[in-house]
Amino acid sequence: MKLHSQKVAKELTATVLCWAIALLIFFPIFWMVLTSLKTEIQAISMPPQLFFKPTLENYIGIFERSNYTRFAWNSVVIALGSSIIGLLLAVPAAYAMAFYPSKRTKGTLLWMLSTKMMPPVGVLIPIYLLFRDTGLLDSRLGLIIIFALMNLPIMIWMIYTYFREIPTEILEAGRMDGVDTRQEIMTIILPISMGGIASSFLLAVILSWNEAFWSLNLTASKAAPLTAFIASYSNPEGLFWARLSAASTLAVAPIVIFGWLSMKQLVRGLTFGAVK
C-alpha cells in the first residue's frame, strides 16, 4: 500500500511538473497574442491589463501597410527549398558514413557538428562579400543555399543515426538478390527509415523558418522572409509593442500550426531507435 501511494505521488508530481513547464513555455506565445489584440496604450500600461476589449486594428494596419503575403511566400520557398536541398545532400552522405565507414568517419561527424558551434557573425563578412560578387544578395536562392548548409550537419547526424539502426542482414539479403546501390537506397533504406528522414526534413523546415541572422544581413526587400518582416516593425521612433506583437503572431502562426500538425511524425522520428 505504501509503495502504491509513493508511486501515485511520484506520477502526480511528474504530471504537475510537466504541466508547469508546458505553461511556462507557452506563456510568451500567449502573451504575444494577447498584446497583439490591445491598443498601443493598453500594451504599455502598468500594471499589465489582463481584461480589455480586444481589437484587430493592429492586424488590419499590418495588412494595409505591409505586403505580408510576399514575406510569407519567401519564407515558404526558402524553408522548403533549403530543406529539400539539405535532404538530397544529407541522405547519400549519411548512407556512406553509416554503411561504408572509414577511420575518419567519427572525426568527420564531430567536425561537421562543431561547425554549428561557430558564431555566424564570425563568417558574415566573407559570406557577404561572396554573395555580393556572385549576385546572390537579396535573393531567395542565396538564402536557400546558406540555410541548406547551415542545417546540413544536423540533418546528416540525424539520418546517420537512423541508418545505423537498420539491421545489416536486410542489406545483405538485398545484395544477394542483386540490388545495386541506387536500388538499395530507394527500395530498402528509404522506406525503412522514412520516419527519421521525415523528422529531419521537418526539423530543417522549422530551423530555416526561424532563422533571423542571415535573413537580416543578406536580404533587403526582394527575398526578405518573415523574420525580416518582424524586424521591420522596430524603427528609430521606438517599439510599438502591440503592432510588433501582431507582426510576430502572423510570422510564427504558420510554423506553429505546421509543428502541431506534424508533431506526431516529428516525435516519432526523433525517438526512432531510442528504445530497441
Protein backbone atom coordinates (compact mmCIF):
# COMPACT_ATOMS: atom_id res chain seq x y z
CA MET A 1 0.00 0.00 0.00
CA LYS A 2 2.82 2.33 0.90
CA LEU A 3 4.64 1.59 -2.37
CA HIS A 4 1.43 2.26 -4.31
CA SER A 5 0.99 5.64 -2.58
CA GLN A 6 4.58 6.60 -3.34
CA LYS A 7 4.11 5.64 -6.99
CA VAL A 8 0.92 7.72 -7.23
CA ALA A 9 2.66 10.66 -5.56
CA LYS A 10 5.58 10.46 -8.00
CA GLU A 11 3.25 10.29 -11.00
CA LEU A 12 1.22 13.24 -9.71
CA THR A 13 4.38 15.27 -9.08
CA ALA A 14 5.70 14.47 -12.57
CA THR A 15 2.36 15.44 -14.13
CA VAL A 16 2.19 18.75 -12.27
CA LEU A 17 5.83 19.49 -13.14
CA CYS A 18 5.23 18.74 -16.85
CA TRP A 19 2.17 21.00 -16.93
CA ALA A 20 4.09 23.77 -15.15
CA ILE A 21 6.94 23.58 -17.68
CA ALA A 22 4.49 23.46 -20.60
CA LEU A 23 2.62 26.53 -19.33
CA LEU A 24 5.92 28.33 -18.74
CA ILE A 25 6.99 27.65 -22.34
CA PHE A 26 3.59 28.56 -23.77
CA PHE A 27 3.20 31.78 -21.76
CA PRO A 28 5.32 34.02 -24.07
CA ILE A 29 3.21 32.93 -27.06
CA PHE A 30 0.01 33.57 -25.12
CA TRP A 31 1.23 37.00 -24.01
CA MET A 32 2.31 37.89 -27.54
CA VAL A 33 -1.14 37.05 -28.94
CA LEU A 34 -2.81 38.89 -26.06
CA THR A 35 -0.70 42.01 -26.64
CA SER A 36 -1.45 41.94 -30.36
CA LEU A 37 -5.15 42.39 -29.54
CA LYS A 38 -4.53 45.53 -27.46
CA THR A 39 -4.09 49.16 -28.40
CA GLU A 40 -0.63 50.69 -28.01
CA ILE A 41 -1.73 52.46 -24.83
CA GLN A 42 -3.00 49.20 -23.34
CA ALA A 43 0.11 47.34 -24.41
CA ILE A 44 2.47 49.57 -22.40
CA SER A 45 0.17 50.15 -19.43
CA MET A 46 1.49 49.25 -15.97
CA PRO A 47 0.37 47.04 -14.39
CA PRO A 48 -0.45 44.97 -17.49
CA GLN A 49 -4.11 44.71 -18.40
CA LEU A 50 -5.46 41.18 -18.46
CA PHE A 51 -9.06 42.19 -19.14
CA PHE A 52 -9.72 44.54 -22.04
CA LYS A 53 -11.78 44.90 -25.18
CA PRO A 54 -9.90 43.06 -27.99
CA THR A 55 -9.23 44.91 -31.22
CA LEU A 56 -7.99 43.81 -34.63
CA GLU A 57 -6.70 47.24 -35.62
CA ASN A 58 -3.06 46.10 -35.43
CA TYR A 59 -3.67 43.24 -37.86
CA ILE A 60 -5.70 45.45 -40.17
CA GLY A 61 -2.94 48.07 -40.12
CA ILE A 62 -0.28 45.45 -40.97
CA PHE A 63 -2.19 44.14 -43.99
CA GLU A 64 -2.89 47.68 -45.18
CA ARG A 65 0.71 48.92 -44.85
CA SER A 66 2.75 45.76 -45.47
CA ASN A 67 2.83 43.04 -48.10
CA TYR A 68 2.57 40.16 -45.64
CA THR A 69 1.85 37.63 -48.40
CA ARG A 70 5.17 38.32 -50.12
CA PHE A 71 7.15 37.84 -46.89
CA ALA A 72 5.24 34.64 -46.09
CA TRP A 73 5.78 33.24 -49.59
CA ASN A 74 9.51 33.98 -49.35
CA SER A 75 9.63 32.07 -46.06
CA VAL A 76 7.80 29.08 -47.55
CA VAL A 77 10.03 28.91 -50.64
CA ILE A 78 13.25 29.37 -48.68
CA ALA A 79 12.38 26.92 -45.89
CA LEU A 80 11.16 24.18 -48.24
CA GLY A 81 13.89 24.76 -50.84
CA SER A 82 16.74 24.68 -48.34
CA SER A 83 15.30 21.61 -46.58
CA ILE A 84 14.90 19.69 -49.84
CA ILE A 85 18.46 20.51 -50.93
CA GLY A 86 19.75 19.59 -47.48
CA LEU A 87 17.93 16.26 -47.67
CA LEU A 88 19.34 15.48 -51.11
CA LEU A 89 22.85 16.04 -49.74
CA ALA A 90 22.36 14.50 -46.30
CA VAL A 91 20.92 11.14 -47.39
CA PRO A 92 23.88 9.98 -49.55
CA ALA A 93 26.38 11.42 -47.07
CA ALA A 94 24.74 9.60 -44.15
CA TYR A 95 24.47 6.42 -46.24
CA ALA A 96 28.20 6.43 -47.00
CA MET A 97 29.14 7.09 -43.38
CA ALA A 98 26.70 4.55 -41.92
CA PHE A 99 27.32 1.59 -44.23
CA TYR A 100 30.84 2.25 -45.53
CA PRO A 101 32.60 3.87 -42.53
CA SER A 102 36.29 4.68 -42.54
CA LYS A 103 38.76 5.57 -39.83
CA ARG A 104 37.89 9.24 -40.28
CA THR A 105 34.09 8.86 -40.18
CA LYS A 106 33.63 9.70 -36.50
CA GLY A 107 36.08 12.57 -36.76
CA THR A 108 34.25 13.93 -39.79
CA LEU A 109 30.91 13.75 -37.98
CA LEU A 110 32.33 15.59 -34.98
CA TRP A 111 33.91 18.21 -37.22
CA MET A 112 30.60 18.81 -39.02
CA LEU A 113 28.78 19.18 -35.73
CA SER A 114 31.46 21.54 -34.40
CA THR A 115 30.71 23.99 -37.22
CA LYS A 116 27.32 24.62 -35.54
CA MET A 117 29.17 25.98 -32.51
CA MET A 118 30.82 28.75 -34.51
CA PRO A 119 29.06 32.13 -34.15
CA PRO A 120 27.60 33.16 -37.55
CA VAL A 121 28.92 36.70 -37.18
CA GLY A 122 32.43 35.27 -37.45
CA VAL A 123 31.90 34.39 -41.12
CA LEU A 124 29.44 37.16 -42.01
CA ILE A 125 31.93 39.37 -43.88
CA PRO A 126 33.40 36.70 -46.22
CA ILE A 127 29.94 35.27 -46.97
CA TYR A 128 28.53 38.75 -47.57
CA LEU A 129 31.35 39.57 -49.99
CA LEU A 130 30.96 36.21 -51.72
CA PHE A 131 27.22 36.74 -52.15
CA ARG A 132 27.77 40.29 -53.38
CA ASP A 133 30.26 39.19 -56.04
CA THR A 134 28.05 36.30 -57.22
CA GLY A 135 24.82 38.31 -57.30
CA LEU A 136 23.16 36.28 -54.54
CA LEU A 137 22.48 39.19 -52.19
CA ASP A 138 18.78 39.76 -51.53
CA SER A 139 17.83 36.62 -53.42
CA ARG A 140 15.86 33.58 -52.37
CA LEU A 141 18.48 31.32 -53.95
CA GLY A 142 21.16 32.83 -51.71
CA LEU A 143 19.18 32.17 -48.54
CA ILE A 144 18.27 28.67 -49.72
CA ILE A 145 21.96 27.86 -50.15
CA ILE A 146 23.05 29.33 -46.80
CA PHE A 147 20.16 27.70 -44.89
CA ALA A 148 20.80 24.32 -46.52
CA LEU A 149 24.46 24.48 -45.50
CA MET A 150 23.51 25.68 -42.04
CA ASN A 151 21.18 22.71 -41.40
CA LEU A 152 23.24 20.09 -43.21
CA PRO A 153 25.35 18.93 -40.20
CA ILE A 154 22.26 18.30 -38.08
CA MET A 155 20.45 16.52 -40.91
CA ILE A 156 23.44 14.26 -41.61
CA TRP A 157 23.79 13.41 -37.92
CA MET A 158 20.11 12.56 -37.54
CA ILE A 159 19.83 10.49 -40.72
CA TYR A 160 23.15 8.76 -39.96
CA THR A 161 21.71 7.71 -36.58
CA TYR A 162 18.60 6.26 -38.24
CA PHE A 163 20.62 4.41 -40.86
CA ARG A 164 22.81 2.85 -38.15
CA GLU A 165 19.69 1.26 -36.65
CA ILE A 166 18.91 -0.67 -39.85
CA PRO A 167 19.91 -4.35 -39.46
CA THR A 168 22.76 -5.21 -41.81
CA GLU A 169 21.10 -8.57 -42.54
CA ILE A 170 18.42 -6.79 -44.56
CA LEU A 171 21.03 -5.10 -46.73
CA GLU A 172 23.00 -8.32 -47.17
CA ALA A 173 19.85 -10.11 -48.30
CA GLY A 174 19.19 -7.41 -50.85
CA ARG A 175 22.74 -7.53 -52.16
CA MET A 176 22.47 -11.29 -52.55
CA ASP A 177 19.38 -10.68 -54.70
CA GLY A 178 21.47 -8.43 -56.94
CA VAL A 179 20.33 -4.91 -55.99
CA ASP A 180 22.76 -2.12 -56.77
CA THR A 181 23.48 0.93 -54.59
CA ARG A 182 20.67 3.06 -56.04
CA GLN A 183 18.11 0.26 -55.64
CA GLU A 184 19.37 -0.44 -52.13
CA ILE A 185 18.79 3.17 -51.10
CA MET A 186 15.45 3.60 -52.90
CA THR A 187 13.79 0.25 -52.17
CA ILE A 188 15.26 -0.81 -48.82
CA ILE A 189 16.82 2.01 -46.81
CA LEU A 190 14.47 4.91 -47.53
CA PRO A 191 11.21 3.00 -46.82
CA ILE A 192 12.60 1.63 -43.54
CA SER A 193 13.91 4.98 -42.29
CA MET A 194 11.19 7.22 -43.75
CA GLY A 195 10.05 8.34 -40.29
CA GLY A 196 13.54 9.51 -39.37
CA ILE A 197 14.10 11.21 -42.71
CA ALA A 198 10.74 12.96 -42.45
CA SER A 199 11.56 14.23 -38.95
CA SER A 200 14.92 15.53 -40.19
CA PHE A 201 13.13 17.37 -43.01
CA LEU A 202 10.54 18.83 -40.65
CA LEU A 203 13.22 20.00 -38.23
CA ALA A 204 15.15 21.64 -41.08
CA VAL A 205 11.99 23.47 -42.19
CA ILE A 206 11.43 24.79 -38.66
CA LEU A 207 15.05 25.90 -38.25
CA SER A 208 15.04 27.63 -41.64
CA TRP A 209 11.74 29.38 -40.91
CA ASN A 210 13.06 30.74 -37.59
CA GLU A 211 16.49 31.81 -38.83
CA ALA A 212 16.88 35.58 -38.46
CA PHE A 213 20.60 36.42 -38.54
CA TRP A 214 21.26 35.57 -42.19
CA SER A 215 17.86 36.84 -43.29
CA LEU A 216 18.52 40.28 -41.86
CA ASN A 217 22.09 40.55 -43.15
CA LEU A 218 21.76 39.03 -46.63
CA THR A 219 18.40 40.44 -47.74
CA ALA A 220 16.86 43.86 -48.16
CA SER A 221 13.40 43.72 -49.71
CA LYS A 222 13.03 41.23 -52.59
CA ALA A 223 13.79 37.98 -50.74
CA ALA A 224 13.08 39.08 -47.17
CA PRO A 225 11.27 36.33 -45.19
CA LEU A 226 9.01 36.74 -42.17
CA THR A 227 11.91 37.16 -39.74
CA ALA A 228 12.84 40.34 -41.62
CA PHE A 229 9.14 41.27 -41.65
CA ILE A 230 9.15 41.27 -37.83
CA ALA A 231 12.34 43.32 -37.67
CA SER A 232 10.81 45.96 -39.96
CA TYR A 233 8.49 46.96 -37.10
CA SER A 234 11.44 48.07 -34.98
CA ASN A 235 12.39 51.60 -36.00
CA PRO A 236 14.21 54.67 -34.59
CA GLU A 237 10.88 56.10 -33.43
CA GLY A 238 10.60 53.33 -30.85
CA LEU A 239 8.94 49.98 -30.40
CA PHE A 240 5.21 49.78 -30.91
CA TRP A 241 4.54 46.71 -28.81
CA ALA A 242 1.00 45.96 -29.96
CA ARG A 243 1.88 46.25 -33.64
CA LEU A 244 5.12 44.31 -33.16
CA SER A 245 3.22 41.55 -31.34
CA ALA A 246 0.70 41.35 -34.18
CA ALA A 247 3.51 41.07 -36.74
CA SER A 248 5.22 38.39 -34.63
CA THR A 249 1.97 36.44 -34.30
CA LEU A 250 1.46 36.48 -38.07
CA ALA A 251 5.06 35.32 -38.56
CA VAL A 252 5.05 32.44 -36.08
CA ALA A 253 1.47 31.25 -36.61
CA PRO A 254 2.15 29.24 -39.81
CA ILE A 255 5.13 27.36 -38.39
CA VAL A 256 3.41 26.76 -35.02
CA ILE A 257 0.38 25.28 -36.79
CA PHE A 258 2.71 23.24 -39.01
CA GLY A 259 4.53 21.98 -35.91
CA TRP A 260 1.31 20.95 -34.21
CA LEU A 261 0.08 19.10 -37.29
CA SER A 262 3.38 17.27 -37.73
CA MET A 263 4.10 16.74 -34.02
CA LYS A 264 3.34 13.01 -34.07
CA GLN A 265 5.66 12.38 -37.03
CA LEU A 266 8.37 14.63 -35.60
CA VAL A 267 8.37 12.97 -32.18
CA ARG A 268 8.29 9.50 -33.74
CA GLY A 269 11.28 10.32 -35.91
CA LEU A 270 13.28 11.97 -33.13
CA THR A 271 12.79 8.97 -30.84
CA PHE A 272 13.43 6.39 -33.56
CA GLY A 273 15.98 3.88 -32.34
CA ALA A 274 16.00 5.25 -28.78
CA VAL A 275 14.43 2.04 -27.46
CA LYS A 276 15.03 -1.31 -29.10
